[in-house]
Amino acid sequence: MRYRFDWLFRPGRRLPDPELAGLCAELTAVGETCLEPLPAYQVFLATREELSDKAIIVARRADGGAMAGFCSAVLLEVAGVGEVLHLGLTCVRPEDRGGGLTHRLAARLVARYLLRRPLSRIWVTNVACVLSSLGNFALHVSGAHPAPGSPGPRREHHLIADAFDRRYRAKAHIQPWAVFDPATFVFRGSGRGSAFQKRADDQRYHHRDPALNAYYAGIMHFDDGDEVLQVGTLAVADVVRHLWRRARPPAQ
C-alpha cells in the first residue's frame, strides 16, 4: 500500500483549534486499534499543551487520506545536555502492518528532525519493554546504553536518566511507583498492568537477532512490567548509513 507522510512540529503551538481537535481525534482513533486500554498520556491527552512539545510524522493512505499510523516524539529539555528527542509512541492500524510502516515512520521522524539541525549530533531516548524496539535502538543509535558491548554510560547518559526519573516520567508513561535502577537503566515495574506490558514468550515482539533478545531479557523482569530506558546519539551521517544498508541488495 502507498502512503504520503505529513510532518507536524509542535502542532500545539501552531494549529488553530478546529484543526488541532481533528488531528487529536484521528490520532486517538489509530491508537485505539493498537492499545487496550488506551493510555492517558502523550497525544491521547489531546490538549494544546501536550501537543506543544511533540514532533509527529503521520502516514496517510494515498488512495483516500485516511490516517494509517503515526510516530510521535517528545522534545525534552535536559540541563547540561540541551534538547533531547524522546522517540515516544508509534501506532499503526492492524490492516497497515506487515509492510514496514512502523519502521518507516520512525526513520522519517528522525530524519526530518535532523534536517532542522543538520550539523548537530542529537541525543535520543527510548523507553520500552518490546525486544524488537530495544534491539533496533541498540543497532542504529550511536553510543546506545544499555546495549551489548556498551562501554558504560557517559555523563550525559546519567543526566538524561536522572531527568527522566525526576521530571519526565509522565512523558514516557513511567508509573509513579516504578523504581529506577541506575545500574541497568531499568524502571522496575513501570509498565505493570498497562497496555505496554508484554509476555517474555510473545515472539511477535522479539527482535530478529536472538543475542539482542537475550541481552535485554536478561536485565528485565517481564512479569513485573519492567521497562528499559535507552540513551544514545544520532547525526545525519548515521541516518544516511542506515538507509544505504537497507537499500543494498542482499549478498548472493
Foldseek 3Di string as FASTA:
>chain_A
DDWDKDKDAQVLVPDPDVVLQVVLVLQVVQQVQQFVPRDCAASVVSHSVSSRQKIKMWIADPVPGRTFKMWIWGWDQFPPAGTETERADIGGHPVPPDPCPRVVRSLVSVLVVQVVVQVDKHKYKYKAPQLQVQVVCQVQFALKPPDPPRPDDDPVVVRVLVCCLPPNVRNRQFDPPFDQDRVRQKGFLRCPPGRRQDDLPPCVRHHPDVVSSVVSCVVHDSNSPMIHMMMGIDHPVSSVVVVVVVPDDDDD
